[in-house]
Amino acid sequence: MCLGSKPTAPLVWPTTPEPLSVPKQDMTDRHPLRHAEALLLVAIGGLVGANARYLLSLALPGLGGTFLANVTGSALLGFVLYEATGTGLLAAETRLVVATGFLSSYTTYSTFALETIQATPLLGLTNVLASYALGFGAVYVGGYAAGLLEER
């Protein structure tokens, strides 16, 4: 499929998305090991996400690195959310590691806010507008990419 062509299935966002968590257990399966597994998966994802964010900040310090982390994180979250509701090819545990673990450590609203306040007014305003516009656009692109999986 070419980049410019549209997938046959339109990008439709669910009205109530599935939670990005470990699969729901019935009332008889409340073993503490299930919760420990989820915590471990989130911790592993968080460890990898935090280190990826740190390495990105070394390669691209300041506003640029924060901007890139937040936009790419938005695209990945859009992919994971749409994939979960559209195709369901990824396991719930994978979505938990990626969305809750990795992305919560990789993306950073607090650094975005601090660096925006520390910037000149014009650069700060530009950063806010570009971050939100491209962040929302990146979620759509991620969802579009996940929609392409449905065609296979």
N, C-alpha and C. Protein backbone atom coordinates (compact mmCIF):
# COMPACT_ATOMS: atom_id res chain seq x y z
N MET A 1 0.84 -1.17 0.00
CA MET A 1 0.00 0.00 0.00
C MET A 1 0.89 1.24 0.00
N CYS A 2 0.57 2.21 -0.79
CA CYS A 2 1.32 3.45 -0.88
C CYS A 2 0.94 4.38 0.25
N LEU A 3 1.86 5.28 0.58
CA LEU A 3 1.59 6.24 1.65
C LEU A 3 0.39 7.12 1.34
N GLY A 4 0.21 7.50 0.13
CA GLY A 4 -0.87 8.42 -0.22
C GLY A 4 -2.23 7.77 -0.34
N SER A 5 -2.29 6.45 -0.42
CA SER A 5 -3.59 5.80 -0.58
C SER A 5 -4.28 5.61 0.76
N LYS A 6 -5.58 5.49 0.70
CA LYS A 6 -6.37 5.35 1.92
C LYS A 6 -6.65 3.88 2.19
N PRO A 7 -6.70 3.50 3.49
CA PRO A 7 -7.07 2.12 3.78
C PRO A 7 -8.56 1.92 3.48
N THR A 8 -8.94 0.68 3.22
CA THR A 8 -10.34 0.42 2.91
C THR A 8 -11.22 0.63 4.13
N ALA A 9 -10.72 0.32 5.31
CA ALA A 9 -11.49 0.53 6.53
C ALA A 9 -11.20 1.95 7.04
N PRO A 10 -12.24 2.78 7.20
CA PRO A 10 -11.99 4.13 7.67
C PRO A 10 -11.55 4.12 9.14
N LEU A 11 -10.84 5.16 9.52
CA LEU A 11 -10.40 5.31 10.89
C LEU A 11 -11.59 5.75 11.72
N VAL A 12 -12.09 4.87 12.54
CA VAL A 12 -13.24 5.16 13.37
C VAL A 12 -12.81 5.00 14.82
N TRP A 13 -12.92 6.06 15.59
CA TRP A 13 -12.53 6.01 16.99
C TRP A 13 -13.69 5.50 17.81
N PRO A 14 -13.42 4.59 18.73
CA PRO A 14 -14.50 4.06 19.56
C PRO A 14 -15.03 5.12 20.51
N THR A 15 -16.31 5.01 20.84
CA THR A 15 -16.86 5.97 21.79
C THR A 15 -16.42 5.65 23.20
N THR A 16 -16.25 4.38 23.51
CA THR A 16 -15.76 3.97 24.82
C THR A 16 -14.63 2.98 24.61
N PRO A 17 -13.37 3.46 24.60
CA PRO A 17 -12.26 2.54 24.33
C PRO A 17 -12.06 1.55 25.47
N GLU A 18 -11.53 0.39 25.09
CA GLU A 18 -11.18 -0.61 26.08
C GLU A 18 -10.05 -0.07 26.95
N PRO A 19 -10.08 -0.38 28.25
CA PRO A 19 -8.94 0.02 29.09
C PRO A 19 -7.69 -0.72 28.63
N LEU A 20 -6.56 -0.04 28.68
CA LEU A 20 -5.30 -0.67 28.31
C LEU A 20 -4.76 -1.37 29.55
N SER A 21 -5.19 -2.58 29.78
CA SER A 21 -4.79 -3.29 30.98
C SER A 21 -4.72 -4.78 30.70
N VAL A 22 -4.37 -5.51 31.75
CA VAL A 22 -4.33 -6.96 31.68
C VAL A 22 -5.75 -7.45 31.43
N PRO A 23 -5.93 -8.53 30.71
CA PRO A 23 -7.29 -9.01 30.42
C PRO A 23 -8.12 -9.15 31.69
N LYS A 24 -9.41 -8.88 31.54
CA LYS A 24 -10.32 -8.96 32.67
C LYS A 24 -10.39 -10.40 33.17
N GLN A 25 -10.39 -10.53 34.47
CA GLN A 25 -10.47 -11.84 35.10
C GLN A 25 -11.87 -12.03 35.66
N ASP A 26 -12.32 -13.27 35.70
CA ASP A 26 -13.63 -13.49 36.31
C ASP A 26 -13.50 -13.38 37.84
N MET A 27 -14.62 -13.42 38.52
CA MET A 27 -14.64 -13.19 39.96
C MET A 27 -13.87 -14.24 40.75
N THR A 28 -13.66 -15.42 40.18
CA THR A 28 -12.95 -16.47 40.90
C THR A 28 -11.44 -16.38 40.72
N ASP A 29 -10.97 -15.52 39.81
CA ASP A 29 -9.54 -15.44 39.52
C ASP A 29 -8.97 -14.11 39.99
N ARG A 30 -8.86 -13.94 41.29
CA ARG A 30 -8.31 -12.70 41.86
C ARG A 30 -7.01 -12.97 42.58
N HIS A 31 -6.24 -13.83 42.03
CA HIS A 31 -4.98 -14.20 42.67
C HIS A 31 -4.03 -13.01 42.67
N PRO A 32 -3.32 -12.78 43.78
CA PRO A 32 -2.38 -11.65 43.86
C PRO A 32 -1.30 -11.69 42.79
N LEU A 33 -1.00 -12.87 42.27
CA LEU A 33 0.01 -12.97 41.23
C LEU A 33 -0.41 -12.23 39.97
N ARG A 34 -1.72 -12.15 39.69
CA ARG A 34 -2.21 -11.39 38.53
C ARG A 34 -1.84 -9.92 38.67
N HIS A 35 -2.02 -9.38 39.87
CA HIS A 35 -1.68 -7.97 40.10
C HIS A 35 -0.17 -7.75 40.08
N ALA A 36 0.57 -8.71 40.62
CA ALA A 36 2.03 -8.61 40.60
C ALA A 36 2.55 -8.63 39.17
N GLU A 37 1.95 -9.46 38.33
CA GLU A 37 2.35 -9.52 36.93
C GLU A 37 2.13 -8.17 36.25
N ALA A 38 0.97 -7.58 36.47
CA ALA A 38 0.67 -6.28 35.86
C ALA A 38 1.65 -5.22 36.34
N LEU A 39 1.94 -5.20 37.64
CA LEU A 39 2.90 -4.23 38.17
C LEU A 39 4.28 -4.43 37.57
N LEU A 40 4.69 -5.67 37.41
CA LEU A 40 5.99 -5.96 36.82
C LEU A 40 6.05 -5.53 35.36
N LEU A 41 4.98 -5.77 34.62
CA LEU A 41 4.93 -5.35 33.21
C LEU A 41 5.01 -3.84 33.07
N VAL A 42 4.28 -3.12 33.92
CA VAL A 42 4.33 -1.65 33.90
C VAL A 42 5.73 -1.17 34.27
N ALA A 43 6.34 -1.80 35.26
CA ALA A 43 7.69 -1.41 35.69
C ALA A 43 8.71 -1.63 34.57
N ILE A 44 8.60 -2.75 33.88
CA ILE A 44 9.53 -3.02 32.77
C ILE A 44 9.36 -1.99 31.66
N GLY A 45 8.12 -1.73 31.30
CA GLY A 45 7.86 -0.71 30.29
C GLY A 45 8.36 0.65 30.72
N GLY A 46 8.12 0.99 32.00
CA GLY A 46 8.58 2.27 32.52
C GLY A 46 10.09 2.40 32.51
N LEU A 47 10.79 1.32 32.84
CA LEU A 47 12.25 1.32 32.82
C LEU A 47 12.77 1.60 31.42
N VAL A 48 12.21 0.93 30.43
CA VAL A 48 12.64 1.12 29.05
C VAL A 48 12.27 2.52 28.56
N GLY A 49 11.06 2.97 28.88
CA GLY A 49 10.61 4.30 28.46
C GLY A 49 11.44 5.42 29.06
N ALA A 50 11.76 5.30 30.34
CA ALA A 50 12.56 6.33 31.01
C ALA A 50 13.96 6.40 30.41
N ASN A 51 14.54 5.25 30.11
CA ASN A 51 15.87 5.25 29.51
C ASN A 51 15.84 5.76 28.07
N ALA A 52 14.80 5.43 27.33
CA ALA A 52 14.67 5.95 25.97
C ALA A 52 14.53 7.47 26.00
N ARG A 53 13.75 7.98 26.94
CA ARG A 53 13.57 9.43 27.07
C ARG A 53 14.88 10.09 27.45
N TYR A 54 15.63 9.48 28.35
CA TYR A 54 16.93 10.03 28.76
C TYR A 54 17.89 10.08 27.58
N LEU A 55 17.98 8.99 26.82
CA LEU A 55 18.86 8.97 25.66
C LEU A 55 18.45 10.00 24.61
N LEU A 56 17.14 10.17 24.44
CA LEU A 56 16.66 11.19 23.51
C LEU A 56 17.06 12.59 23.99
N SER A 57 16.99 12.81 25.30
CA SER A 57 17.36 14.13 25.83
C SER A 57 18.86 14.40 25.67
N LEU A 58 19.67 13.36 25.65
CA LEU A 58 21.10 13.55 25.39
C LEU A 58 21.34 13.89 23.93
N ALA A 59 20.61 13.24 23.04
CA ALA A 59 20.77 13.47 21.61
C ALA A 59 20.15 14.80 21.18
N LEU A 60 19.05 15.17 21.81
CA LEU A 60 18.32 16.38 21.44
C LEU A 60 17.82 17.06 22.72
N PRO A 61 18.68 17.82 23.38
CA PRO A 61 18.29 18.43 24.66
C PRO A 61 17.29 19.57 24.49
N GLY A 62 16.58 19.86 25.56
CA GLY A 62 15.68 21.02 25.59
C GLY A 62 14.35 20.77 24.93
N LEU A 63 13.75 21.87 24.44
CA LEU A 63 12.42 21.81 23.83
C LEU A 63 12.32 20.81 22.69
N GLY A 64 13.34 20.70 21.88
CA GLY A 64 13.30 19.80 20.73
C GLY A 64 13.13 18.35 21.14
N GLY A 65 13.87 17.91 22.14
CA GLY A 65 13.77 16.54 22.61
C GLY A 65 12.42 16.25 23.25
N THR A 66 11.94 17.19 24.05
CA THR A 66 10.63 17.02 24.69
C THR A 66 9.53 16.97 23.64
N PHE A 67 9.62 17.86 22.66
CA PHE A 67 8.65 17.91 21.57
C PHE A 67 8.64 16.58 20.81
N LEU A 68 9.81 16.08 20.45
CA LEU A 68 9.91 14.83 19.70
C LEU A 68 9.37 13.65 20.52
N ALA A 69 9.70 13.61 21.80
CA ALA A 69 9.20 12.52 22.66
C ALA A 69 7.68 12.55 22.74
N ASN A 70 7.11 13.72 22.92
CA ASN A 70 5.66 13.81 23.07
C ASN A 70 4.91 13.51 21.77
N VAL A 71 5.45 13.94 20.65
CA VAL A 71 4.78 13.68 19.37
C VAL A 71 4.90 12.20 18.98
N THR A 72 6.09 11.63 19.11
CA THR A 72 6.23 10.21 18.78
C THR A 72 5.46 9.34 19.77
N GLY A 73 5.43 9.75 21.03
CA GLY A 73 4.64 9.02 22.02
C GLY A 73 3.15 9.08 21.71
N SER A 74 2.69 10.22 21.23
CA SER A 74 1.28 10.36 20.84
C SER A 74 0.95 9.43 19.68
N ALA A 75 1.85 9.34 18.72
CA ALA A 75 1.63 8.45 17.58
C ALA A 75 1.57 6.99 18.04
N LEU A 76 2.47 6.61 18.92
CA LEU A 76 2.48 5.23 19.40
C LEU A 76 1.23 4.93 20.23
N LEU A 77 0.78 5.87 21.04
CA LEU A 77 -0.43 5.66 21.82
C LEU A 77 -1.65 5.56 20.90
N GLY A 78 -1.71 6.38 19.86
CA GLY A 78 -2.78 6.28 18.88
C GLY A 78 -2.79 4.92 18.22
N PHE A 79 -1.61 4.42 17.89
CA PHE A 79 -1.50 3.10 17.28
C PHE A 79 -2.02 2.02 18.24
N VAL A 80 -1.55 2.05 19.48
CA VAL A 80 -1.92 1.01 20.45
C VAL A 80 -3.42 1.06 20.75
N LEU A 81 -3.97 2.25 20.93
CA LEU A 81 -5.40 2.37 21.23
C LEU A 81 -6.25 1.87 20.07
N TYR A 82 -5.94 2.34 18.86
CA TYR A 82 -6.74 1.92 17.71
C TYR A 82 -6.55 0.44 17.42
N GLU A 83 -5.34 -0.04 17.58
CA GLU A 83 -5.07 -1.46 17.37
C GLU A 83 -5.88 -2.30 18.35
N ALA A 84 -5.98 -1.86 19.59
CA ALA A 84 -6.72 -2.62 20.61
C ALA A 84 -8.19 -2.71 20.28
N THR A 85 -8.75 -1.63 19.76
CA THR A 85 -10.18 -1.62 19.46
C THR A 85 -10.49 -2.06 18.04
N GLY A 86 -9.50 -1.99 17.14
CA GLY A 86 -9.74 -2.33 15.75
C GLY A 86 -9.37 -3.74 15.38
N THR A 87 -8.14 -4.16 15.70
CA THR A 87 -7.69 -5.47 15.26
C THR A 87 -7.50 -6.44 16.42
N GLY A 88 -7.04 -5.96 17.53
CA GLY A 88 -6.81 -6.83 18.68
C GLY A 88 -5.68 -7.83 18.49
N LEU A 89 -4.74 -7.52 17.61
CA LEU A 89 -3.63 -8.44 17.36
C LEU A 89 -2.62 -8.46 18.51
N LEU A 90 -2.43 -7.32 19.16
CA LEU A 90 -1.51 -7.27 20.30
C LEU A 90 -2.18 -7.81 21.54
N ALA A 91 -1.44 -8.53 22.35
CA ALA A 91 -1.96 -9.03 23.61
C ALA A 91 -2.19 -7.87 24.57
N ALA A 92 -3.13 -8.04 25.46
CA ALA A 92 -3.41 -7.01 26.46
C ALA A 92 -2.17 -6.71 27.29
N GLU A 93 -1.35 -7.71 27.55
CA GLU A 93 -0.12 -7.49 28.31
C GLU A 93 0.85 -6.60 27.54
N THR A 94 0.90 -6.77 26.23
CA THR A 94 1.76 -5.91 25.40
C THR A 94 1.27 -4.47 25.46
N ARG A 95 -0.04 -4.29 25.36
CA ARG A 95 -0.59 -2.93 25.46
C ARG A 95 -0.29 -2.32 26.83
N LEU A 96 -0.33 -3.12 27.87
CA LEU A 96 -0.02 -2.63 29.21
C LEU A 96 1.43 -2.18 29.31
N VAL A 97 2.35 -2.98 28.78
CA VAL A 97 3.77 -2.63 28.81
C VAL A 97 4.01 -1.35 28.01
N VAL A 98 3.44 -1.27 26.82
CA VAL A 98 3.71 -0.13 25.94
C VAL A 98 2.99 1.14 26.40
N ALA A 99 1.67 1.06 26.56
CA ALA A 99 0.89 2.28 26.83
C ALA A 99 1.06 2.77 28.26
N THR A 100 0.91 1.89 29.22
CA THR A 100 0.98 2.33 30.61
C THR A 100 2.41 2.42 31.11
N GLY A 101 3.25 1.47 30.73
CA GLY A 101 4.64 1.47 31.20
C GLY A 101 5.54 2.38 30.40
N PHE A 102 5.81 2.00 29.15
CA PHE A 102 6.77 2.72 28.32
C PHE A 102 6.37 4.17 28.09
N LEU A 103 5.15 4.39 27.60
CA LEU A 103 4.76 5.75 27.22
C LEU A 103 4.59 6.69 28.39
N SER A 104 4.23 6.16 29.56
CA SER A 104 4.10 7.05 30.71
C SER A 104 5.46 7.57 31.16
N SER A 105 6.52 6.84 30.87
CA SER A 105 7.87 7.31 31.20
C SER A 105 8.52 8.06 30.06
N TYR A 106 8.16 7.73 28.85
CA TYR A 106 8.79 8.33 27.67
C TYR A 106 8.25 9.72 27.39
N THR A 107 6.95 9.89 27.46
CA THR A 107 6.37 11.22 27.23
C THR A 107 6.39 12.00 28.53
N THR A 108 6.33 13.33 28.41
CA THR A 108 6.50 14.13 29.63
C THR A 108 5.79 15.47 29.53
N TYR A 109 4.67 15.56 30.20
CA TYR A 109 3.94 16.83 30.22
C TYR A 109 4.62 17.84 31.15
N SER A 110 5.14 17.38 32.26
CA SER A 110 5.74 18.32 33.22
C SER A 110 6.96 19.02 32.62
N THR A 111 7.79 18.29 31.89
CA THR A 111 8.95 18.92 31.25
C THR A 111 8.50 19.85 30.14
N PHE A 112 7.47 19.46 29.40
CA PHE A 112 6.89 20.31 28.37
C PHE A 112 6.44 21.64 28.99
N ALA A 113 5.73 21.58 30.11
CA ALA A 113 5.24 22.80 30.76
C ALA A 113 6.40 23.66 31.26
N LEU A 114 7.38 23.05 31.91
CA LEU A 114 8.51 23.81 32.45
C LEU A 114 9.32 24.47 31.34
N GLU A 115 9.66 23.71 30.30
CA GLU A 115 10.46 24.27 29.21
C GLU A 115 9.70 25.34 28.45
N THR A 116 8.40 25.22 28.36
CA THR A 116 7.59 26.23 27.69
C THR A 116 7.60 27.53 28.49
N ILE A 117 7.46 27.43 29.79
CA ILE A 117 7.49 28.62 30.66
C ILE A 117 8.86 29.29 30.62
N GLN A 118 9.92 28.51 30.53
CA GLN A 118 11.28 29.05 30.51
C GLN A 118 11.67 29.65 29.16
N ALA A 119 10.93 29.35 28.13
CA ALA A 119 11.24 29.87 26.78
C ALA A 119 10.78 31.31 26.65
N THR A 120 11.22 31.97 25.60
CA THR A 120 10.71 33.30 25.32
C THR A 120 9.21 33.19 25.04
N PRO A 121 8.44 34.25 25.21
CA PRO A 121 7.00 34.14 24.98
C PRO A 121 6.63 33.63 23.59
N LEU A 122 7.30 34.10 22.57
CA LEU A 122 6.98 33.65 21.21
C LEU A 122 7.32 32.17 21.02
N LEU A 123 8.50 31.76 21.49
CA LEU A 123 8.89 30.36 21.36
C LEU A 123 7.98 29.47 22.22
N GLY A 124 7.61 29.94 23.39
CA GLY A 124 6.72 29.18 24.25
C GLY A 124 5.36 28.98 23.61
N LEU A 125 4.80 30.03 23.04
CA LEU A 125 3.50 29.93 22.37
C LEU A 125 3.59 29.00 21.16
N THR A 126 4.65 29.13 20.40
CA THR A 126 4.87 28.26 19.24
C THR A 126 4.97 26.80 19.68
N ASN A 127 5.67 26.57 20.78
CA ASN A 127 5.83 25.22 21.30
C ASN A 127 4.48 24.62 21.71
N VAL A 128 3.65 25.41 22.38
CA VAL A 128 2.33 24.92 22.80
C VAL A 128 1.48 24.59 21.58
N LEU A 129 1.40 25.51 20.64
CA LEU A 129 0.57 25.29 19.46
C LEU A 129 1.06 24.10 18.63
N ALA A 130 2.36 24.04 18.42
CA ALA A 130 2.92 22.94 17.61
C ALA A 130 2.77 21.60 18.34
N SER A 131 3.00 21.60 19.64
CA SER A 131 2.91 20.34 20.40
C SER A 131 1.49 19.78 20.36
N TYR A 132 0.51 20.64 20.57
CA TYR A 132 -0.87 20.15 20.55
C TYR A 132 -1.31 19.78 19.14
N ALA A 133 -1.00 20.60 18.17
CA ALA A 133 -1.42 20.30 16.80
C ALA A 133 -0.77 19.01 16.30
N LEU A 134 0.53 18.90 16.45
CA LEU A 134 1.22 17.71 15.96
C LEU A 134 0.96 16.50 16.85
N GLY A 135 0.73 16.72 18.15
CA GLY A 135 0.39 15.61 19.04
C GLY A 135 -0.93 14.97 18.65
N PHE A 136 -1.96 15.80 18.43
CA PHE A 136 -3.25 15.27 17.99
C PHE A 136 -3.13 14.63 16.61
N GLY A 137 -2.38 15.28 15.73
CA GLY A 137 -2.16 14.70 14.40
C GLY A 137 -1.43 13.37 14.48
N ALA A 138 -0.47 13.27 15.38
CA ALA A 138 0.29 12.03 15.54
C ALA A 138 -0.60 10.89 16.05
N VAL A 139 -1.54 11.21 16.93
CA VAL A 139 -2.49 10.18 17.39
C VAL A 139 -3.28 9.65 16.20
N TYR A 140 -3.71 10.54 15.34
CA TYR A 140 -4.45 10.14 14.14
C TYR A 140 -3.57 9.28 13.23
N VAL A 141 -2.33 9.69 13.02
CA VAL A 141 -1.41 8.92 12.16
C VAL A 141 -1.18 7.53 12.75
N GLY A 142 -1.01 7.45 14.07
CA GLY A 142 -0.85 6.15 14.71
C GLY A 142 -2.08 5.28 14.52
N GLY A 143 -3.26 5.88 14.66
CA GLY A 143 -4.50 5.15 14.43
C GLY A 143 -4.63 4.70 12.99
N TYR A 144 -4.24 5.56 12.08
CA TYR A 144 -4.28 5.23 10.65
C TYR A 144 -3.37 4.03 10.37
N ALA A 145 -2.16 4.07 10.96
CA ALA A 145 -1.21 2.96 10.77
C ALA A 145 -1.78 1.65 11.31
N ALA A 146 -2.44 1.72 12.46
CA ALA A 146 -3.06 0.52 13.02
C ALA A 146 -4.19 0.03 12.12
N GLY A 147 -4.91 0.97 11.51
CA GLY A 147 -5.99 0.60 10.59
C GLY A 147 -5.48 -0.15 9.38
N LEU A 148 -4.25 0.10 8.98
CA LEU A 148 -3.67 -0.62 7.86
C LEU A 148 -3.49 -2.10 8.17
N LEU A 149 -3.39 -2.44 9.45
CA LEU A 149 -3.25 -3.84 9.85
C LEU A 149 -4.51 -4.63 9.52
N GLU A 150 -5.65 -3.96 9.53
CA GLU A 150 -6.92 -4.63 9.25
C GLU A 150 -6.99 -5.14 7.81
N GLU A 151 -6.24 -4.50 6.94
CA GLU A 151 -6.30 -4.87 5.53
C GLU A 151 -5.54 -6.16 5.24
N ARG A 152 -4.66 -6.56 6.10
CA ARG A 152 -3.80 -7.74 5.84
C ARG A 152 -4.50 -9.01 6.15
